[in-house]
């Protein structure tokens, strides 16, 4: 019996915390393993009480395009600049 495995990467882009250089290092590593590994980049959505900002849509798309030069199966998720109001009460768990 053979078992196939599937690898992919996912990383959140948080300007000032998980920046472009860190995402690129992850992409370079994944590419060294297999350049066909998909990588998904999520834009950080601000949380109350945390100091980091939401990246601008062009920043996320530019990072995705830069990563695609070494990992062609790269996608990204981003929201509107400024974010939306929180729909539910949030509780800190750590």
PDB file of N, CA and C in Angstrom:
ATOM      1  N   UNK A   1       0.840  -1.179   0.000  1.00  0.00           N
ATOM      2  CA  UNK A   1       0.000   0.000   0.000  1.00  0.00           C
ATOM      3  C   UNK A   1       0.886   1.244   0.000  1.00  0.00           C
ATOM      4  N   UNK A   2       0.661   2.136  -0.927  1.00  0.00           N
ATOM      5  CA  UNK A   2       1.427   3.379  -0.971  1.00  0.00           C
ATOM      6  C   UNK A   2       0.562   4.519  -0.468  1.00  0.00           C
ATOM      7  N   UNK A   3       1.220   5.454   0.108  1.00  0.00           N
ATOM      8  CA  UNK A   3       0.510   6.614   0.633  1.00  0.00           C
ATOM      9  C   UNK A   3       1.152   7.854   0.042  1.00  0.00           C
ATOM     10  N   UNK A   4       0.352   8.666  -0.621  1.00  0.00           N
ATOM     11  CA  UNK A   4       0.865   9.912  -1.176  1.00  0.00           C
ATOM     12  C   UNK A   4       0.835  10.993  -0.110  1.00  0.00           C
ATOM     13  N   UNK A   5       1.769  11.882  -0.180  1.00  0.00           N
ATOM     14  CA  UNK A   5       1.759  13.007   0.751  1.00  0.00           C
ATOM     15  C   UNK A   5       1.645  14.302  -0.047  1.00  0.00           C
ATOM     16  N   UNK A   6       1.141  15.296   0.613  1.00  0.00           N
ATOM     17  CA  UNK A   6       0.966  16.593  -0.018  1.00  0.00           C
ATOM     18  C   UNK A   6       1.564  17.638   0.900  1.00  0.00           C
ATOM     19  N   UNK A   7       2.436  18.447   0.379  1.00  0.00           N
ATOM     20  CA  UNK A   7       3.064  19.496   1.171  1.00  0.00           C
ATOM     21  C   UNK A   7       2.596  20.856   0.688  1.00  0.00           C
ATOM     22  N   UNK A   8       2.439  21.765   1.620  1.00  0.00           N
ATOM     23  CA  UNK A   8       2.137  23.147   1.276  1.00  0.00           C
ATOM     24  C   UNK A   8       2.624  24.024   2.418  1.00  0.00           C
ATOM     25  N   UNK A   9       2.761  25.293   2.134  1.00  0.00           N
ATOM     26  CA  UNK A   9       3.175  26.238   3.151  1.00  0.00           C
ATOM     27  C   UNK A   9       2.134  27.327   3.307  1.00  0.00           C
ATOM     28  N   UNK A  10       2.047  27.857   4.507  1.00  0.00           N
ATOM     29  CA  UNK A  10       1.142  28.970   4.774  1.00  0.00           C
ATOM     30  C   UNK A  10       1.817  29.871   5.782  1.00  0.00           C
ATOM     31  N   UNK A  11       1.774  31.165   5.518  1.00  0.00           N
ATOM     32  CA  UNK A  11       2.416  32.122   6.426  1.00  0.00           C
ATOM     33  C   UNK A  11       1.621  33.402   6.453  1.00  0.00           C
ATOM     34  N   UNK A  12       1.536  34.001   7.620  1.00  0.00           N
ATOM     35  CA  UNK A  12       0.874  35.289   7.750  1.00  0.00           C
ATOM     36  C   UNK A  12       1.916  36.385   7.587  1.00  0.00           C
ATOM     37  N   UNK A  13       1.567  37.416   6.840  1.00  0.00           N
ATOM     38  CA  UNK A  13       2.438  38.563   6.601  1.00  0.00           C
ATOM     39  C   UNK A  13       1.996  39.673   7.556  1.00  0.00           C
ATOM     40  N   UNK A  14       2.884  40.000   8.520  1.00  0.00           N
ATOM     41  CA  UNK A  14       2.592  41.004   9.543  1.00  0.00           C
ATOM     42  C   UNK A  14       3.705  42.049   9.491  1.00  0.00           C
ATOM     43  N   UNK A  15       3.488  43.176   8.806  1.00  0.00           N
ATOM     44  CA  UNK A  15       4.548  44.183   8.727  1.00  0.00           C
ATOM     45  C   UNK A  15       5.069  44.564  10.117  1.00  0.00           C
ATOM     46  N   UNK A  16       6.383  44.537  10.258  1.00  0.00           N
ATOM     47  CA  UNK A  16       7.008  44.862  11.529  1.00  0.00           C
ATOM     48  C   UNK A  16       7.173  43.669  12.460  1.00  0.00           C
ATOM     49  N   UNK A  17       6.642  42.525  12.071  1.00  0.00           N
ATOM     50  CA  UNK A  17       6.771  41.318  12.905  1.00  0.00           C
ATOM     51  C   UNK A  17       7.198  40.129  12.048  1.00  0.00           C
ATOM     52  N   UNK A  18       6.352  39.706  11.143  1.00  0.00           N
ATOM     53  CA  UNK A  18       6.704  38.684  10.148  1.00  0.00           C
ATOM     54  C   UNK A  18       6.764  39.433   8.820  1.00  0.00           C
ATOM     55  N   UNK A  19       7.958  39.928   8.500  1.00  0.00           N
ATOM     56  CA  UNK A  19       8.083  40.816   7.354  1.00  0.00           C
ATOM     57  C   UNK A  19       8.414  40.073   6.063  1.00  0.00           C
ATOM     58  N   UNK A  20       8.620  40.850   5.007  1.00  0.00           N
ATOM     59  CA  UNK A  20       8.878  40.272   3.690  1.00  0.00           C
ATOM     60  C   UNK A  20      10.095  39.357   3.684  1.00  0.00           C
ATOM     61  N   UNK A  21      11.153  39.745   4.394  1.00  0.00           N
ATOM     62  CA  UNK A  21      12.377  38.927   4.355  1.00  0.00           C
ATOM     63  C   UNK A  21      12.134  37.553   4.968  1.00  0.00           C
ATOM     64  N   UNK A  22      11.323  37.484   6.019  1.00  0.00           N
ATOM     65  CA  UNK A  22      11.034  36.178   6.618  1.00  0.00           C
ATOM     66  C   UNK A  22      10.198  35.315   5.680  1.00  0.00           C
ATOM     67  N   UNK A  23       9.203  35.915   5.043  1.00  0.00           N
ATOM     68  CA  UNK A  23       8.376  35.168   4.086  1.00  0.00           C
ATOM     69  C   UNK A  23       9.243  34.672   2.932  1.00  0.00           C
ATOM     70  N   UNK A  24      10.172  35.501   2.473  1.00  0.00           N
ATOM     71  CA  UNK A  24      11.057  35.088   1.376  1.00  0.00           C
ATOM     72  C   UNK A  24      11.969  33.938   1.806  1.00  0.00           C
ATOM     73  N   UNK A  25      12.455  33.951   3.038  1.00  0.00           N
ATOM     74  CA  UNK A  25      13.290  32.847   3.524  1.00  0.00           C
ATOM     75  C   UNK A  25      12.503  31.534   3.543  1.00  0.00           C
ATOM     76  N   UNK A  26      11.253  31.613   3.959  1.00  0.00           N
ATOM     77  CA  UNK A  26      10.394  30.424   3.949  1.00  0.00           C
ATOM     78  C   UNK A  26      10.208  29.936   2.520  1.00  0.00           C
ATOM     79  N   UNK A  27       9.956  30.856   1.605  1.00  0.00           N
ATOM     80  CA  UNK A  27       9.770  30.497   0.197  1.00  0.00           C
ATOM     81  C   UNK A  27      11.032  29.865  -0.380  1.00  0.00           C
ATOM     82  N   UNK A  28      12.185  30.422  -0.050  1.00  0.00           N
ATOM     83  CA  UNK A  28      13.443  29.861  -0.545  1.00  0.00           C
ATOM     84  C   UNK A  28      13.654  28.441  -0.028  1.00  0.00           C
ATOM     85  N   UNK A  29      13.325  28.216   1.243  1.00  0.00           N
ATOM     86  CA  UNK A  29      13.455  26.871   1.787  1.00  0.00           C
ATOM     87  C   UNK A  29      12.516  25.905   1.068  1.00  0.00           C
ATOM     88  N   UNK A  30      11.249  26.286   0.949  1.00  0.00           N
ATOM     89  CA  UNK A  30      10.284  25.409   0.273  1.00  0.00           C
ATOM     90  C   UNK A  30      10.720  25.114  -1.156  1.00  0.00           C
ATOM     91  N   UNK A  31      11.225  26.124  -1.835  1.00  0.00           N
ATOM     92  CA  UNK A  31      11.687  25.944  -3.206  1.00  0.00           C
ATOM     93  C   UNK A  31      12.867  24.978  -3.284  1.00  0.00           C
ATOM     94  N   UNK A  32      13.707  24.982  -2.248  1.00  0.00           N
ATOM     95  CA  UNK A  32      14.847  24.058  -2.242  1.00  0.00           C
ATOM     96  C   UNK A  32      14.394  22.610  -2.077  1.00  0.00           C
ATOM     97  N   UNK A  33      13.238  22.425  -1.441  1.00  0.00           N
ATOM     98  CA  UNK A  33      12.677  21.087  -1.280  1.00  0.00           C
ATOM     99  C   UNK A  33      11.970  20.672  -2.565  1.00  0.00           C
ATOM    100  N   UNK A  34      11.090  21.564  -3.058  1.00  0.00           N
ATOM    101  CA  UNK A  34      10.335  21.306  -4.289  1.00  0.00           C
ATOM    102  C   UNK A  34       9.711  22.624  -4.738  1.00  0.00           C
ATOM    103  N   UNK A  35      10.107  23.161  -5.889  1.00  0.00           N
ATOM    104  CA  UNK A  35       9.572  24.446  -6.335  1.00  0.00           C
ATOM    105  C   UNK A  35       8.076  24.412  -6.682  1.00  0.00           C
ATOM    106  N   UNK A  36       7.470  23.236  -6.659  1.00  0.00           N
ATOM    107  CA  UNK A  36       6.035  23.139  -6.942  1.00  0.00           C
ATOM    108  C   UNK A  36       5.174  23.153  -5.681  1.00  0.00           C
ATOM    109  N   UNK A  37       5.801  23.259  -4.509  1.00  0.00           N
ATOM    110  CA  UNK A  37       5.033  23.327  -3.267  1.00  0.00           C
ATOM    111  C   UNK A  37       4.241  24.639  -3.255  1.00  0.00           C
ATOM    112  N   UNK A  38       2.929  24.565  -3.016  1.00  0.00           N
ATOM    113  CA  UNK A  38       2.142  25.802  -2.917  1.00  0.00           C
ATOM    114  C   UNK A  38       2.449  26.545  -1.611  1.00  0.00           C
ATOM    115  N   UNK A  39       2.453  27.858  -1.688  1.00  0.00           N
ATOM    116  CA  UNK A  39       2.590  28.701  -0.502  1.00  0.00           C
ATOM    117  C   UNK A  39       1.435  29.688  -0.507  1.00  0.00           C
ATOM    118  N   UNK A  40       0.762  29.801   0.629  1.00  0.00           N
ATOM    119  CA  UNK A  40      -0.337  30.748   0.765  1.00  0.00           C
ATOM    120  C   UNK A  40       0.065  31.805   1.782  1.00  0.00           C
ATOM    121  N   UNK A  41      -0.043  33.071   1.390  1.00  0.00           N
ATOM    122  CA  UNK A  41       0.315  34.194   2.254  1.00  0.00           C
ATOM    123  C   UNK A  41      -0.976  34.877   2.700  1.00  0.00           C
ATOM    124  N   UNK A  42      -1.200  34.923   4.010  1.00  0.00           N
ATOM    125  CA  UNK A  42      -2.356  35.629   4.569  1.00  0.00           C
ATOM    126  C   UNK A  42      -1.906  36.986   5.082  1.00  0.00           C
ATOM    127  N   UNK A  43      -2.663  38.018   4.733  1.00  0.00           N
ATOM    128  CA  UNK A  43      -2.395  39.336   5.297  1.00  0.00           C
ATOM    129  C   UNK A  43      -2.904  39.363   6.734  1.00  0.00           C
ATOM    130  N   UNK A  44      -2.141  39.977   7.597  1.00  0.00           N
ATOM    131  CA  UNK A  44      -2.542  40.133   8.998  1.00  0.00           C
ATOM    132  C   UNK A  44      -3.750  41.058   9.087  1.00  0.00           C
ATOM    133  N   UNK A  45      -4.708  40.666   9.884  1.00  0.00           N
ATOM    134  CA  UNK A  45      -5.859  41.520  10.175  1.00  0.00           C
ATOM    135  C   UNK A  45      -5.702  41.987  11.602  1.00  0.00           C
ATOM    136  N   UNK A  46      -5.692  43.300  11.828  1.00  0.00           N
ATOM    137  CA  UNK A  46      -5.427  43.832  13.170  1.00  0.00           C
ATOM    138  C   UNK A  46      -6.365  43.282  14.238  1.00  0.00           C
ATOM    139  N   UNK A  47      -5.789  43.079  15.398  1.00  0.00           N
ATOM    140  CA  UNK A  47      -6.524  42.596  16.561  1.00  0.00           C
ATOM    141  C   UNK A  47      -6.409  43.661  17.648  1.00  0.00           C
ATOM    142  N   UNK A  48      -7.466  43.892  18.391  1.00  0.00           N
ATOM    143  CA  UNK A  48      -7.405  44.885  19.466  1.00  0.00           C
ATOM    144  C   UNK A  48      -6.278  44.574  20.450  1.00  0.00           C
ATOM    145  N   UNK A  49      -5.525  45.610  20.794  1.00  0.00           N
ATOM    146  CA  UNK A  49      -4.461  45.467  21.773  1.00  0.00           C
ATOM    147  C   UNK A  49      -3.116  45.055  21.205  1.00  0.00           C
ATOM    148  N   UNK A  50      -3.049  44.729  19.917  1.00  0.00           N
ATOM    149  CA  UNK A  50      -1.773  44.349  19.307  1.00  0.00           C
ATOM    150  C   UNK A  50      -1.261  45.513  18.461  1.00  0.00           C
ATOM    151  N   UNK A  51       0.064  45.722  18.437  1.00  0.00           N
ATOM    152  CA  UNK A  51       0.616  46.925  17.819  1.00  0.00           C
ATOM    153  C   UNK A  51       0.779  46.880  16.300  1.00  0.00           C
ATOM    154  N   UNK A  52       0.595  45.726  15.674  1.00  0.00           N
ATOM    155  CA  UNK A  52       0.923  45.635  14.262  1.00  0.00           C
ATOM    156  C   UNK A  52      -0.204  46.124  13.376  1.00  0.00           C
ATOM    157  N   UNK A  53       0.177  46.621  12.228  1.00  0.00           N
ATOM    158  CA  UNK A  53      -0.794  47.166  11.285  1.00  0.00           C
ATOM    159  C   UNK A  53      -1.135  46.144  10.202  1.00  0.00           C
ATOM    160  N   UNK A  54      -2.273  46.355   9.595  1.00  0.00           N
ATOM    161  CA  UNK A  54      -2.673  45.536   8.451  1.00  0.00           C
ATOM    162  C   UNK A  54      -1.859  45.974   7.240  1.00  0.00           C
ATOM    163  N   UNK A  55      -1.281  45.050   6.479  1.00  0.00           N
ATOM    164  CA  UNK A  55      -0.550  45.466   5.280  1.00  0.00           C
ATOM    165  C   UNK A  55      -1.520  45.982   4.224  1.00  0.00           C
ATOM    166  N   UNK A  56      -1.049  46.932   3.453  1.00  0.00           N
ATOM    167  CA  UNK A  56      -1.838  47.458   2.339  1.00  0.00           C
ATOM    168  C   UNK A  56      -1.954  46.361   1.277  1.00  0.00           C
ATOM    169  N   UNK A  57      -3.056  46.365   0.544  1.00  0.00           N
ATOM    170  CA  UNK A  57      -3.277  45.369  -0.511  1.00  0.00           C
ATOM    171  C   UNK A  57      -2.104  45.335  -1.490  1.00  0.00           C
ATOM    172  N   UNK A  58      -1.603  46.486  -1.974  1.00  0.00           N
ATOM    173  CA  UNK A  58      -0.460  46.424  -2.898  1.00  0.00           C
ATOM    174  C   UNK A  58       0.786  45.780  -2.284  1.00  0.00           C
ATOM    175  N   UNK A  59       0.994  45.935  -0.969  1.00  0.00           N
ATOM    176  CA  UNK A  59       2.136  45.295  -0.303  1.00  0.00           C
ATOM    177  C   UNK A  59       2.018  43.778  -0.362  1.00  0.00           C
ATOM    178  N   UNK A  60       0.823  43.271  -0.077  1.00  0.00           N
ATOM    179  CA  UNK A  60       0.604  41.822  -0.075  1.00  0.00           C
ATOM    180  C   UNK A  60       0.750  41.270  -1.488  1.00  0.00           C
ATOM    181  N   UNK A  61       0.168  41.964  -2.457  1.00  0.00           N
ATOM    182  CA  UNK A  61       0.254  41.486  -3.836  1.00  0.00           C
ATOM    183  C   UNK A  61       1.679  41.557  -4.372  1.00  0.00           C
ATOM    184  N   UNK A  62       2.426  42.587  -3.986  1.00  0.00           N
ATOM    185  CA  UNK A  62       3.826  42.687  -4.417  1.00  0.00           C
ATOM    186  C   UNK A  62       4.659  41.555  -3.812  1.00  0.00           C
ATOM    187  N   UNK A  63       4.400  41.232  -2.532  1.00  0.00           N
ATOM    188  CA  UNK A  63       5.109  40.124  -1.900  1.00  0.00           C
ATOM    189  C   UNK A  63       4.758  38.818  -2.595  1.00  0.00           C
ATOM    190  N   UNK A  64       3.474  38.602  -2.866  1.00  0.00           N
ATOM    191  CA  UNK A  64       3.056  37.387  -3.580  1.00  0.00           C
ATOM    192  C   UNK A  64       3.791  37.283  -4.921  1.00  0.00           C
ATOM    193  N   UNK A  65       3.845  38.381  -5.666  1.00  0.00           N
ATOM    194  CA  UNK A  65       4.510  38.362  -6.973  1.00  0.00           C
ATOM    195  C   UNK A  65       6.001  38.090  -6.848  1.00  0.00           C
ATOM    196  N   UNK A  66       6.619  38.628  -5.815  1.00  0.00           N
ATOM    197  CA  UNK A  66       8.054  38.386  -5.583  1.00  0.00           C
ATOM    198  C   UNK A  66       8.300  36.911  -5.252  1.00  0.00           C
ATOM    199  N   UNK A  67       7.454  36.346  -4.384  1.00  0.00           N
ATOM    200  CA  UNK A  67       7.592  34.935  -4.016  1.00  0.00           C
ATOM    201  C   UNK A  67       7.347  34.034  -5.224  1.00  0.00           C
ATOM    202  N   UNK A  68       6.408  34.426  -6.079  1.00  0.00           N
ATOM    203  CA  UNK A  68       6.084  33.609  -7.257  1.00  0.00           C
ATOM    204  C   UNK A  68       7.283  33.414  -8.190  1.00  0.00           C
ATOM    205  N   UNK A  69       8.286  34.284  -8.098  1.00  0.00           N
ATOM    206  CA  UNK A  69       9.462  34.116  -8.952  1.00  0.00           C
ATOM    207  C   UNK A  69      10.248  32.858  -8.580  1.00  0.00           C
ATOM    208  N   UNK A  70      10.089  32.374  -7.323  1.00  0.00           N
ATOM    209  CA  UNK A  70      10.770  31.141  -6.919  1.00  0.00           C
ATOM    210  C   UNK A  70       9.793  30.018  -6.579  1.00  0.00           C
ATOM    211  N   UNK A  71       8.556  30.376  -6.232  1.00  0.00           N
ATOM    212  CA  UNK A  71       7.502  29.391  -5.947  1.00  0.00           C
ATOM    213  C   UNK A  71       6.265  29.786  -6.761  1.00  0.00           C
ATOM    214  N   UNK A  72       6.131  29.266  -7.963  1.00  0.00           N
ATOM    215  CA  UNK A  72       5.059  29.720  -8.850  1.00  0.00           C
ATOM    216  C   UNK A  72       3.640  29.465  -8.348  1.00  0.00           C
ATOM    217  N   UNK A  73       3.466  28.524  -7.422  1.00  0.00           N
ATOM    218  CA  UNK A  73       2.129  28.210  -6.912  1.00  0.00           C
ATOM    219  C   UNK A  73       1.822  28.978  -5.631  1.00  0.00           C
ATOM    220  N   UNK A  74       2.103  30.273  -5.639  1.00  0.00           N
ATOM    221  CA  UNK A  74       1.889  31.116  -4.468  1.00  0.00           C
ATOM    222  C   UNK A  74       0.609  31.916  -4.636  1.00  0.00           C
ATOM    223  N   UNK A  75      -0.192  31.941  -3.571  1.00  0.00           N
ATOM    224  CA  UNK A  75      -1.427  32.717  -3.538  1.00  0.00           C
ATOM    225  C   UNK A  75      -1.426  33.597  -2.291  1.00  0.00           C
ATOM    226  N   UNK A  76      -2.395  34.523  -2.230  1.00  0.00           N
ATOM    227  CA  UNK A  76      -2.482  35.377  -1.053  1.00  0.00           C
ATOM    228  C   UNK A  76      -3.937  35.707  -0.743  1.00  0.00           C
ATOM    229  N   UNK A  77      -4.154  36.120   0.484  1.00  0.00           N
ATOM    230  CA  UNK A  77      -5.462  36.563   0.947  1.00  0.00           C
ATOM    231  C   UNK A  77      -5.254  37.897   1.640  1.00  0.00           C
ATOM    232  N   UNK A  78      -6.056  38.874   1.275  1.00  0.00           N
ATOM    233  CA  UNK A  78      -5.983  40.181   1.927  1.00  0.00           C
ATOM    234  C   UNK A  78      -7.378  40.778   1.994  1.00  0.00           C
ATOM    235  N   UNK A  79      -7.545  41.724   2.904  1.00  0.00           N
ATOM    236  CA  UNK A  79      -8.833  42.378   3.070  1.00  0.00           C
ATOM    237  C   UNK A  79      -8.753  43.841   2.687  1.00  0.00           C
ATOM    238  N   UNK A  80      -9.828  44.536   2.928  1.00  0.00           N
ATOM    239  CA  UNK A  80      -9.864  45.959   2.657  1.00  0.00           C
ATOM    240  C   UNK A  80      -8.946  46.686   3.634  1.00  0.00           C
ATOM    241  N   UNK A  81      -8.322  47.754   3.167  1.00  0.00           N
ATOM    242  CA  UNK A  81      -7.509  48.576   4.051  1.00  0.00           C
ATOM    243  C   UNK A  81      -8.405  49.175   5.118  1.00  0.00           C
ATOM    244  N   UNK A  82      -7.972  49.091   6.360  1.00  0.00           N
ATOM    245  CA  UNK A  82      -8.751  49.621   7.463  1.00  0.00           C
ATOM    246  C   UNK A  82      -9.541  48.562   8.185  1.00  0.00           C
ATOM    247  N   UNK A  83      -9.757  47.431   7.557  1.00  0.00           N
ATOM    248  CA  UNK A  83     -10.451  46.323   8.201  1.00  0.00           C
ATOM    249  C   UNK A  83     -11.929  46.577   8.441  1.00  0.00           C
ATOM    250  N   UNK A  84     -12.554  45.612   9.005  1.00  0.00           N
ATOM    251  CA  UNK A  84     -13.973  45.656   9.334  1.00  0.00           C
ATOM    252  C   UNK A  84     -14.124  45.633  10.842  1.00  0.00           C
ATOM    253  N   UNK A  85     -15.275  46.073  11.323  1.00  0.00           N
ATOM    254  CA  UNK A  85     -15.532  45.969  12.752  1.00  0.00           C
ATOM    255  C   UNK A  85     -15.662  44.499  13.126  1.00  0.00           C
ATOM    256  N   UNK A  86     -15.227  44.170  14.316  1.00  0.00           N
ATOM    257  CA  UNK A  86     -15.323  42.797  14.795  1.00  0.00           C
ATOM    258  C   UNK A  86     -16.799  42.464  14.994  1.00  0.00           C
ATOM    259  N   UNK A  87     -17.257  41.364  14.398  1.00  0.00           N
ATOM    260  CA  UNK A  87     -18.670  40.992  14.451  1.00  0.00           C
ATOM    261  C   UNK A  87     -19.030  40.278  15.748  1.00  0.00           C
ATOM    262  N   UNK A  88     -18.034  39.693  16.427  1.00  0.00           N
ATOM    263  CA  UNK A  88     -18.291  38.932  17.642  1.00  0.00           C
ATOM    264  C   UNK A  88     -17.339  39.389  18.720  1.00  0.00           C
ATOM    265  N   UNK A  89     -17.748  39.213  19.957  1.00  0.00           N
ATOM    266  CA  UNK A  89     -16.876  39.540  21.073  1.00  0.00           C
ATOM    267  C   UNK A  89     -15.655  38.626  21.027  1.00  0.00           C
ATOM    268  N   UNK A  90     -14.488  39.202  21.277  1.00  0.00           N
ATOM    269  CA  UNK A  90     -13.253  38.415  21.229  1.00  0.00           C
ATOM    270  C   UNK A  90     -12.684  38.299  22.631  1.00  0.00           C
ATOM    271  N   UNK A  91     -12.051  37.177  22.887  1.00  0.00           N
ATOM    272  CA  UNK A  91     -11.450  36.936  24.193  1.00  0.00           C
ATOM    273  C   UNK A  91     -10.014  36.485  23.992  1.00  0.00           C
ATOM    274  N   UNK A  92      -9.091  37.056  24.751  1.00  0.00           N
ATOM    275  CA  UNK A  92      -7.687  36.650  24.668  1.00  0.00           C
ATOM    276  C   UNK A  92      -7.533  35.317  25.378  1.00  0.00           C
ATOM    277  N   UNK A  93      -6.866  34.368  24.712  1.00  0.00           N
ATOM    278  CA  UNK A  93      -6.735  33.025  25.272  1.00  0.00           C
ATOM    279  C   UNK A  93      -5.309  32.687  25.692  1.00  0.00           C
ATOM    280  N   UNK A  94      -4.384  33.581  25.530  1.00  0.00           N
ATOM    281  CA  UNK A  94      -3.016  33.305  25.964  1.00  0.00           C
ATOM    282  C   UNK A  94      -2.398  34.528  26.569  1.00  0.00           C
TER     283      UNK A  94
END
